[in-house]
Amino acid sequence: HMEDELTQALRMFAQHKWPFRIHATYNESAERMLNVIESVHSETPLTGPWLFDHAETFSPQTLDRIKALGGAVAIQNRMLFQGEYFVQRYGKKTAAQAPPVRAMLDREIPVALGTDGTRVSSYNPWLALYWLTTGKTWGGLKHLADENILSRREALKTMTHASARFTGEENQKGTIDPGKFADFAILAEDYFTVEAEALKDMEAVLTVVDGRIAYGSGEYQDLDPELPPLRPDWSPVHYYGGYAGRR
C-alpha cells in the first residue's frame, strides 16, 4: 500500500509547492518511490525542493531519474560505523560506492553531507568530514573507492553551502559573505593541513553564532560567555556534573 499512500501525500505537496525528503537507503526502495514521484510530477510539476536521504546503494539509473526530476541527495556518515558489516553483507564492490557520491556530483545532483545525529552518529561534523575525505570506517577499514572520496574542500562545501541550499537559506548562511549570518569557528588545528586521523578530534577554540560569541577556550577562554541556568529544573544533568566537560 506504500504507492497509494505516497501518491496522496505527494499530490498535496506538489499542489502546495512544499518541499519534501524521503529516507531511502536501498536502490530497491528508491525505484518504487521514484515511480510515484514521476507519476505525480507528470500531473503537477514538482517545484518545491525534494531529496532522498542516505542513498547507500543507488544505481546509476536511479541517479539519472533523480537528476531528471530536479531532486537532490543528503548523505550521512553512517558507513563510518557500519562499513565492516556492510562489506560482509554486500561485498567490497558495493561498499566502494556506498553511497555513490562522486557519481552524484558528476551528474550535478545537489549533495549535502550530514551526520544523522543522533540516530546513528552524534552531531559532531568532524566524524562525517573524516569519513568522506578518507573513505575509512571508525575501525580503520577503507571501504570507499579512491574516486569516490572527496577532497577536504569538496567535503566542507557539501556540509556548509550545499546544506544551506537544501533549506533555502543559502542567502543567509553556508558561506562567509557580507550580509549573511556571522556563523564561524576558529579551530585548534588547520582543517586543510592536519593529519587525516586528527580530523576525528578537531575542536573549536572560538565559536561565533550570528555575530555573538557562543564558546571560547584556550587563548579565547576570557571570551567564553557565562552559561544560562539549566532548564528544566528537574533535568538529570543537575545531578551528573552540570556543564562539566562542555565542548
C-alpha atoms as a PDB file:
ATOM      1  CA  HIS A   1       0.000   0.000   0.000  1.00  0.00           C
ATOM      2  CA  MET A   2       3.040   2.309   0.018  1.00  0.00           C
ATOM      3  CA  GLU A   3       2.467   3.607  -3.504  1.00  0.00           C
ATOM      4  CA  ASP A   4      -1.148   4.643  -2.852  1.00  0.00           C
ATOM      5  CA  GLU A   5      -0.332   6.461   0.380  1.00  0.00           C
ATOM      6  CA  LEU A   6       2.741   8.173  -1.048  1.00  0.00           C
ATOM      7  CA  THR A   7       0.795   9.302  -4.109  1.00  0.00           C
ATOM      8  CA  GLN A   8      -1.801  11.020  -1.929  1.00  0.00           C
ATOM      9  CA  ALA A   9       0.858  12.753   0.140  1.00  0.00           C
ATOM     10  CA  LEU A  10       2.970  13.913  -2.806  1.00  0.00           C
ATOM     11  CA  ARG A  11      -0.041  15.246  -4.700  1.00  0.00           C
ATOM     12  CA  MET A  12      -0.745  17.534  -1.768  1.00  0.00           C
ATOM     13  CA  PHE A  13       2.921  18.543  -1.535  1.00  0.00           C
ATOM     14  CA  ALA A  14       3.060  19.329  -5.255  1.00  0.00           C
ATOM     15  CA  GLN A  15      -0.137  21.368  -5.175  1.00  0.00           C
ATOM     16  CA  HIS A  16       1.153  23.477  -2.264  1.00  0.00           C
ATOM     17  CA  LYS A  17       4.712  23.653  -3.661  1.00  0.00           C
ATOM     18  CA  TRP A  18       6.015  22.167  -0.416  1.00  0.00           C
ATOM     19  CA  PRO A  19       9.493  20.649  -0.150  1.00  0.00           C
ATOM     20  CA  PHE A  20       9.850  17.045   0.956  1.00  0.00           C
ATOM     21  CA  ARG A  21      12.536  14.478   1.742  1.00  0.00           C
ATOM     22  CA  ILE A  22      12.288  10.692   1.830  1.00  0.00           C
ATOM     23  CA  HIS A  23      14.528   8.156   3.536  1.00  0.00           C
ATOM     24  CA  ALA A  24      15.839   5.534   1.110  1.00  0.00           C
ATOM     25  CA  THR A  25      18.920   3.517   1.962  1.00  0.00           C
ATOM     26  CA  TYR A  26      18.476   0.918  -0.757  1.00  0.00           C
ATOM     27  CA  ASN A  27      18.055   1.246  -4.501  1.00  0.00           C
ATOM     28  CA  GLU A  28      15.031  -1.047  -4.433  1.00  0.00           C
ATOM     29  CA  SER A  29      13.173   1.425  -2.220  1.00  0.00           C
ATOM     30  CA  ALA A  30      14.209   4.410  -4.338  1.00  0.00           C
ATOM     31  CA  GLU A  31      12.971   2.768  -7.537  1.00  0.00           C
ATOM     32  CA  ARG A  32       9.491   2.266  -6.115  1.00  0.00           C
ATOM     33  CA  MET A  33       9.376   5.785  -4.712  1.00  0.00           C
ATOM     34  CA  LEU A  34      10.602   7.294  -7.984  1.00  0.00           C
ATOM     35  CA  ASN A  35       7.752   5.589  -9.830  1.00  0.00           C
ATOM     36  CA  VAL A  36       5.362   7.555  -7.628  1.00  0.00           C
ATOM     37  CA  ILE A  37       7.328  10.802  -7.814  1.00  0.00           C
ATOM     38  CA  GLU A  38       7.441  10.630 -11.618  1.00  0.00           C
ATOM     39  CA  SER A  39       3.715   9.932 -11.796  1.00  0.00           C
ATOM     40  CA  VAL A  40       2.818  12.856  -9.546  1.00  0.00           C
ATOM     41  CA  HIS A  41       5.270  15.115 -11.388  1.00  0.00           C
ATOM     42  CA  SER A  42       3.533  14.329 -14.689  1.00  0.00           C
ATOM     43  CA  GLU A  43       0.254  15.583 -13.193  1.00  0.00           C
ATOM     44  CA  THR A  44       1.561  18.539 -11.178  1.00  0.00           C
ATOM     45  CA  PRO A  45       5.188  19.506 -11.773  1.00  0.00           C
ATOM     46  CA  LEU A  46       7.255  19.465  -8.586  1.00  0.00           C
ATOM     47  CA  THR A  47       8.572  22.944  -7.835  1.00  0.00           C
ATOM     48  CA  GLY A  48       9.433  22.673  -4.149  1.00  0.00           C
ATOM     49  CA  PRO A  49      12.896  21.212  -3.365  1.00  0.00           C
ATOM     50  CA  TRP A  50      12.855  17.467  -2.732  1.00  0.00           C
ATOM     51  CA  LEU A  51      15.518  14.949  -1.820  1.00  0.00           C
ATOM     52  CA  PHE A  52      16.397  11.432  -0.790  1.00  0.00           C
ATOM     53  CA  ASP A  53      18.279  10.711   2.424  1.00  0.00           C
ATOM     54  CA  HIS A  54      21.076   8.121   2.710  1.00  0.00           C
ATOM     55  CA  ALA A  55      21.240   6.564  -0.807  1.00  0.00           C
ATOM     56  CA  GLU A  56      23.925   3.994   0.005  1.00  0.00           C
ATOM     57  CA  THR A  57      23.115   1.589  -2.866  1.00  0.00           C
ATOM     58  CA  PHE A  58      21.615   3.878  -5.508  1.00  0.00           C
ATOM     59  CA  SER A  59      22.306   2.763  -9.078  1.00  0.00           C
ATOM     60  CA  PRO A  60      23.382   4.992 -11.997  1.00  0.00           C
ATOM     61  CA  GLN A  61      19.892   4.644 -13.455  1.00  0.00           C
ATOM     62  CA  THR A  62      18.326   5.825 -10.215  1.00  0.00           C
ATOM     63  CA  LEU A  63      20.653   8.824 -10.100  1.00  0.00           C
ATOM     64  CA  ASP A  64      19.668   9.705 -13.664  1.00  0.00           C
ATOM     65  CA  ARG A  65      15.999   9.655 -12.671  1.00  0.00           C
ATOM     66  CA  ILE A  66      16.672  11.892  -9.672  1.00  0.00           C
ATOM     67  CA  LYS A  67      18.590  14.317 -11.887  1.00  0.00           C
ATOM     68  CA  ALA A  68      15.756  14.427 -14.455  1.00  0.00           C
ATOM     69  CA  LEU A  69      13.258  15.340 -11.733  1.00  0.00           C
ATOM     70  CA  GLY A  70      15.430  18.052 -10.193  1.00  0.00           C
ATOM     71  CA  GLY A  71      15.962  16.092  -6.986  1.00  0.00           C
ATOM     72  CA  ALA A  72      18.845  16.099  -4.526  1.00  0.00           C
ATOM     73  CA  VAL A  73      20.521  13.722  -2.068  1.00  0.00           C
ATOM     74  CA  ALA A  74      21.584  14.087   1.566  1.00  0.00           C
ATOM     75  CA  ILE A  75      24.277  11.646   2.695  1.00  0.00           C
ATOM     76  CA  GLN A  76      25.440  10.862   6.225  1.00  0.00           C
ATOM     77  CA  ASN A  77      28.417   9.183   7.885  1.00  0.00           C
ATOM     78  CA  ARG A  78      26.515   6.006   8.736  1.00  0.00           C
ATOM     79  CA  MET A  79      29.129   3.891   6.968  1.00  0.00           C
ATOM     80  CA  LEU A  80      31.766   5.194   9.381  1.00  0.00           C
ATOM     81  CA  PHE A  81      30.184   2.867  11.927  1.00  0.00           C
ATOM     82  CA  GLN A  82      28.561   0.234   9.690  1.00  0.00           C
ATOM     83  CA  GLY A  83      31.164  -0.250   6.959  1.00  0.00           C
ATOM     84  CA  GLU A  84      32.564  -3.577   8.159  1.00  0.00           C
ATOM     85  CA  TYR A  85      29.102  -5.085   8.490  1.00  0.00           C
ATOM     86  CA  PHE A  86      28.099  -3.674   5.094  1.00  0.00           C
ATOM     87  CA  VAL A  87      31.130  -5.272   3.420  1.00  0.00           C
ATOM     88  CA  GLN A  88      30.330  -8.637   4.999  1.00  0.00           C
ATOM     89  CA  ARG A  89      26.752  -8.490   3.794  1.00  0.00           C
ATOM     90  CA  TYR A  90      27.036  -6.860   0.359  1.00  0.00           C
ATOM     91  CA  GLY A  91      30.690  -7.190  -0.617  1.00  0.00           C
ATOM     92  CA  LYS A  92      33.609  -4.821  -1.205  1.00  0.00           C
ATOM     93  CA  LYS A  93      32.475  -3.768  -4.684  1.00  0.00           C
ATOM     94  CA  THR A  94      29.129  -2.464  -3.445  1.00  0.00           C
ATOM     95  CA  ALA A  95      30.693  -0.870  -0.360  1.00  0.00           C
ATOM     96  CA  ALA A  96      33.180   1.020  -2.532  1.00  0.00           C
ATOM     97  CA  GLN A  97      30.296   3.106  -3.904  1.00  0.00           C
ATOM     98  CA  ALA A  98      28.176   3.326  -0.762  1.00  0.00           C
ATOM     99  CA  PRO A  99      26.983   5.973  -1.258  1.00  0.00           C
ATOM    100  CA  PRO A 100      27.974   6.854  -4.860  1.00  0.00           C
ATOM    101  CA  VAL A 101      28.737  10.461  -4.004  1.00  0.00           C
ATOM    102  CA  ARG A 102      31.137  11.103  -6.901  1.00  0.00           C
ATOM    103  CA  ALA A 103      28.576   9.835  -9.406  1.00  0.00           C
ATOM    104  CA  MET A 104      26.027  12.226  -7.891  1.00  0.00           C
ATOM    105  CA  LEU A 105      28.361  15.206  -8.152  1.00  0.00           C
ATOM    106  CA  ASP A 106      29.400  14.290 -11.700  1.00  0.00           C
ATOM    107  CA  ARG A 107      25.708  14.459 -12.643  1.00  0.00           C
ATOM    108  CA  GLU A 108      25.467  17.836 -10.884  1.00  0.00           C
ATOM    109  CA  ILE A 109      22.912  16.447  -8.451  1.00  0.00           C
ATOM    110  CA  PRO A 110      22.950  18.657  -5.328  1.00  0.00           C
ATOM    111  CA  VAL A 111      24.564  16.700  -2.473  1.00  0.00           C
ATOM    112  CA  ALA A 112      24.659  17.697   1.197  1.00  0.00           C
ATOM    113  CA  LEU A 113      26.626  15.995   3.957  1.00  0.00           C
ATOM    114  CA  GLY A 114      25.234  15.469   7.452  1.00  0.00           C
ATOM    115  CA  THR A 115      25.663  13.219  10.460  1.00  0.00           C
ATOM    116  CA  ASP A 116      22.270  11.549  11.003  1.00  0.00           C
ATOM    117  CA  GLY A 117      22.682  12.604  14.658  1.00  0.00           C
ATOM    118  CA  THR A 118      21.607  11.270  16.963  1.00  0.00           C
ATOM    119  CA  ARG A 119      20.156   8.139  15.398  1.00  0.00           C
ATOM    120  CA  VAL A 120      23.378   6.665  14.038  1.00  0.00           C
ATOM    121  CA  SER A 121      26.097   9.176  14.885  1.00  0.00           C
ATOM    122  CA  SER A 122      26.437  12.260  17.053  1.00  0.00           C
ATOM    123  CA  TYR A 123      26.041  15.811  15.736  1.00  0.00           C
ATOM    124  CA  ASN A 124      29.851  16.037  15.537  1.00  0.00           C
ATOM    125  CA  PRO A 125      30.586  17.227  11.974  1.00  0.00           C
ATOM    126  CA  TRP A 126      34.220  16.148  12.056  1.00  0.00           C
ATOM    127  CA  LEU A 127      33.322  12.475  12.032  1.00  0.00           C
ATOM    128  CA  ALA A 128      31.409  12.950   8.783  1.00  0.00           C
ATOM    129  CA  LEU A 129      34.206  15.002   7.230  1.00  0.00           C
ATOM    130  CA  TYR A 130      36.796  12.400   8.271  1.00  0.00           C
ATOM    131  CA  TRP A 131      34.774   9.579   6.709  1.00  0.00           C
ATOM    132  CA  LEU A 132      34.118  11.326   3.394  1.00  0.00           C
ATOM    133  CA  THR A 133      37.721  12.535   2.941  1.00  0.00           C
ATOM    134  CA  THR A 134      39.420   9.245   3.904  1.00  0.00           C
ATOM    135  CA  GLY A 135      36.801   6.661   2.960  1.00  0.00           C
ATOM    136  CA  LYS A 136      37.514   4.874   6.249  1.00  0.00           C
ATOM    137  CA  THR A 137      35.344   3.407   8.958  1.00  0.00           C
ATOM    138  CA  TRP A 138      35.941   4.065  12.646  1.00  0.00           C
ATOM    139  CA  GLY A 139      37.694   0.699  12.769  1.00  0.00           C
ATOM    140  CA  GLY A 140      40.127   1.716  10.025  1.00  0.00           C
ATOM    141  CA  LEU A 141      38.640  -0.190   7.075  1.00  0.00           C
ATOM    142  CA  LYS A 142      38.926   1.807   3.847  1.00  0.00           C
ATOM    143  CA  HIS A 143      35.657   0.910   2.123  1.00  0.00           C
ATOM    144  CA  LEU A 144      35.180   3.814  -0.310  1.00  0.00           C
ATOM    145  CA  ALA A 145      36.922   3.641  -3.688  1.00  0.00           C
ATOM    146  CA  ASP A 146      39.582   6.304  -4.277  1.00  0.00           C
ATOM    147  CA  GLU A 147      37.477   8.002  -6.951  1.00  0.00           C
ATOM    148  CA  ASN A 148      34.538   8.127  -4.532  1.00  0.00           C
ATOM    149  CA  ILE A 149      36.448  10.091  -1.875  1.00  0.00           C
ATOM    150  CA  LEU A 150      36.089  13.875  -1.766  1.00  0.00           C
ATOM    151  CA  SER A 151      38.783  16.459  -1.191  1.00  0.00           C
ATOM    152  CA  ARG A 152      38.583  18.335   2.100  1.00  0.00           C
ATOM    153  CA  ARG A 153      37.354  21.442   0.299  1.00  0.00           C
ATOM    154  CA  GLU A 154      34.647  19.490  -1.534  1.00  0.00           C
ATOM    155  CA  ALA A 155      33.513  17.771   1.645  1.00  0.00           C
ATOM    156  CA  LEU A 156      33.390  21.024   3.610  1.00  0.00           C
ATOM    157  CA  LYS A 157      31.281  22.611   0.872  1.00  0.00           C
ATOM    158  CA  THR A 158      28.759  19.751   0.972  1.00  0.00           C
ATOM    159  CA  MET A 159      28.318  20.266   4.712  1.00  0.00           C
ATOM    160  CA  THR A 160      28.046  24.067   4.646  1.00  0.00           C
ATOM    161  CA  HIS A 161      26.961  25.780   1.439  1.00  0.00           C
ATOM    162  CA  ALA A 162      25.142  22.753  -0.016  1.00  0.00           C
ATOM    163  CA  SER A 163      23.224  22.156   3.204  1.00  0.00           C
ATOM    164  CA  ALA A 164      22.101  25.794   3.305  1.00  0.00           C
ATOM    165  CA  ARG A 165      20.791  25.437  -0.257  1.00  0.00           C
ATOM    166  CA  PHE A 166      18.712  22.436   0.796  1.00  0.00           C
ATOM    167  CA  THR A 167      16.858  24.525   3.369  1.00  0.00           C
ATOM    168  CA  GLY A 168      16.549  27.590   1.131  1.00  0.00           C
ATOM    169  CA  GLU A 169      18.922  29.573   3.359  1.00  0.00           C
ATOM    170  CA  GLU A 170      21.867  29.988   1.006  1.00  0.00           C
ATOM    171  CA  ASN A 171      21.438  33.771   1.175  1.00  0.00           C
ATOM    172  CA  GLN A 172      21.755  33.699   4.964  1.00  0.00           C
ATOM    173  CA  LYS A 173      24.377  31.072   5.764  1.00  0.00           C
ATOM    174  CA  GLY A 174      26.646  28.407   4.330  1.00  0.00           C
ATOM    175  CA  THR A 175      29.455  30.776   3.333  1.00  0.00           C
ATOM    176  CA  ILE A 176      31.173  33.736   4.987  1.00  0.00           C
ATOM    177  CA  ASP A 177      29.934  36.698   2.958  1.00  0.00           C
ATOM    178  CA  PRO A 178      28.691  40.246   3.687  1.00  0.00           C
ATOM    179  CA  GLY A 179      25.030  40.262   4.666  1.00  0.00           C
ATOM    180  CA  LYS A 180      24.944  36.655   5.873  1.00  0.00           C
ATOM    181  CA  PHE A 181      24.815  35.394   9.441  1.00  0.00           C
ATOM    182  CA  ALA A 182      28.216  35.721  11.118  1.00  0.00           C
ATOM    183  CA  ASP A 183      28.442  31.995  11.928  1.00  0.00           C
ATOM    184  CA  PHE A 184      32.017  30.736  12.067  1.00  0.00           C
ATOM    185  CA  ALA A 185      34.549  28.941  14.217  1.00  0.00           C
ATOM    186  CA  ILE A 186      38.269  29.280  14.839  1.00  0.00           C
ATOM    187  CA  LEU A 187      39.760  25.798  15.078  1.00  0.00           C
ATOM    188  CA  ALA A 188      42.597  24.474  17.172  1.00  0.00           C
ATOM    189  CA  GLU A 189      44.122  22.893  14.038  1.00  0.00           C
ATOM    190  CA  ASP A 190      44.070  23.741  10.332  1.00  0.00           C
ATOM    191  CA  TYR A 191      41.376  21.580   8.747  1.00  0.00           C
ATOM    192  CA  PHE A 192      43.119  21.630   5.374  1.00  0.00           C
ATOM    193  CA  THR A 193      46.563  20.514   6.547  1.00  0.00           C
ATOM    194  CA  VAL A 194      46.086  18.481   9.739  1.00  0.00           C
ATOM    195  CA  GLU A 195      46.819  14.744   9.583  1.00  0.00           C
ATOM    196  CA  ALA A 196      43.816  12.748   8.414  1.00  0.00           C
ATOM    197  CA  GLU A 197      43.392  10.782  11.640  1.00  0.00           C
ATOM    198  CA  ALA A 198      43.361  14.031  13.623  1.00  0.00           C
ATOM    199  CA  LEU A 199      40.181  15.141  11.840  1.00  0.00           C
ATOM    200  CA  LYS A 200      38.134  12.956  14.184  1.00  0.00           C
ATOM    201  CA  ASP A 201      39.316  15.006  17.173  1.00  0.00           C
ATOM    202  CA  MET A 202      39.036  18.523  15.757  1.00  0.00           C
ATOM    203  CA  GLU A 203      37.823  21.174  18.196  1.00  0.00           C
ATOM    204  CA  ALA A 204      36.898  24.837  18.047  1.00  0.00           C
ATOM    205  CA  VAL A 205      38.634  27.334  20.311  1.00  0.00           C
ATOM    206  CA  LEU A 206      36.141  30.073  19.411  1.00  0.00           C
ATOM    207  CA  THR A 207      32.605  29.732  18.086  1.00  0.00           C
ATOM    208  CA  VAL A 208      30.561  32.700  16.861  1.00  0.00           C
ATOM    209  CA  VAL A 209      26.846  32.390  16.093  1.00  0.00           C
ATOM    210  CA  ASP A 210      25.100  35.281  14.315  1.00  0.00           C
ATOM    211  CA  GLY A 211      27.894  37.612  15.351  1.00  0.00           C
ATOM    212  CA  ARG A 212      27.836  36.638  19.023  1.00  0.00           C
ATOM    213  CA  ILE A 213      30.488  34.611  20.790  1.00  0.00           C
ATOM    214  CA  ALA A 214      28.955  31.331  21.901  1.00  0.00           C
ATOM    215  CA  TYR A 215      32.071  29.487  23.095  1.00  0.00           C
ATOM    216  CA  GLY A 216      35.700  30.201  23.866  1.00  0.00           C
ATOM    217  CA  SER A 217      38.611  28.126  25.161  1.00  0.00           C
ATOM    218  CA  GLY A 218      42.394  28.262  25.322  1.00  0.00           C
ATOM    219  CA  GLU A 219      43.566  31.771  24.404  1.00  0.00           C
ATOM    220  CA  TYR A 220      39.896  32.755  23.979  1.00  0.00           C
ATOM    221  CA  GLN A 221      38.839  31.468  27.397  1.00  0.00           C
ATOM    222  CA  ASP A 222      38.194  35.002  28.665  1.00  0.00           C
ATOM    223  CA  LEU A 223      35.608  35.473  25.913  1.00  0.00           C
ATOM    224  CA  ASP A 224      33.642  32.368  26.860  1.00  0.00           C
ATOM    225  CA  PRO A 225      30.169  33.615  27.841  1.00  0.00           C
ATOM    226  CA  GLU A 226      28.517  32.620  31.080  1.00  0.00           C
ATOM    227  CA  LEU A 227      26.162  29.732  30.542  1.00  0.00           C
ATOM    228  CA  PRO A 228      22.448  30.224  31.204  1.00  0.00           C
ATOM    229  CA  PRO A 229      20.777  28.294  34.028  1.00  0.00           C
ATOM    230  CA  LEU A 230      19.996  24.665  33.303  1.00  0.00           C
ATOM    231  CA  ARG A 231      16.442  24.016  32.196  1.00  0.00           C
ATOM    232  CA  PRO A 232      14.248  22.327  33.169  1.00  0.00           C
ATOM    233  CA  ASP A 233      14.980  22.303  36.878  1.00  0.00           C
ATOM    234  CA  TRP A 234      14.383  18.553  37.083  1.00  0.00           C
ATOM    235  CA  SER A 235      16.975  17.762  34.379  1.00  0.00           C
ATOM    236  CA  PRO A 236      19.242  14.824  35.347  1.00  0.00           C
ATOM    237  CA  VAL A 237      22.171  16.995  34.232  1.00  0.00           C
ATOM    238  CA  HIS A 238      21.765  18.818  37.567  1.00  0.00           C
ATOM    239  CA  TYR A 239      22.764  15.614  39.317  1.00  0.00           C
ATOM    240  CA  TYR A 240      25.517  14.407  36.978  1.00  0.00           C
ATOM    241  CA  GLY A 241      28.068  17.154  36.672  1.00  0.00           C
ATOM    242  CA  GLY A 242      26.150  20.007  35.136  1.00  0.00           C
ATOM    243  CA  TYR A 243      28.008  21.527  32.202  1.00  0.00           C
ATOM    244  CA  ALA A 244      31.295  19.899  33.142  1.00  0.00           C
ATOM    245  CA  GLY A 245      33.318  18.848  30.138  1.00  0.00           C
ATOM    246  CA  ARG A 246      31.393  21.037  27.708  1.00  0.00           C
ATOM    247  CA  ARG A 247      32.909  21.156  24.198  1.00  0.00           C
END
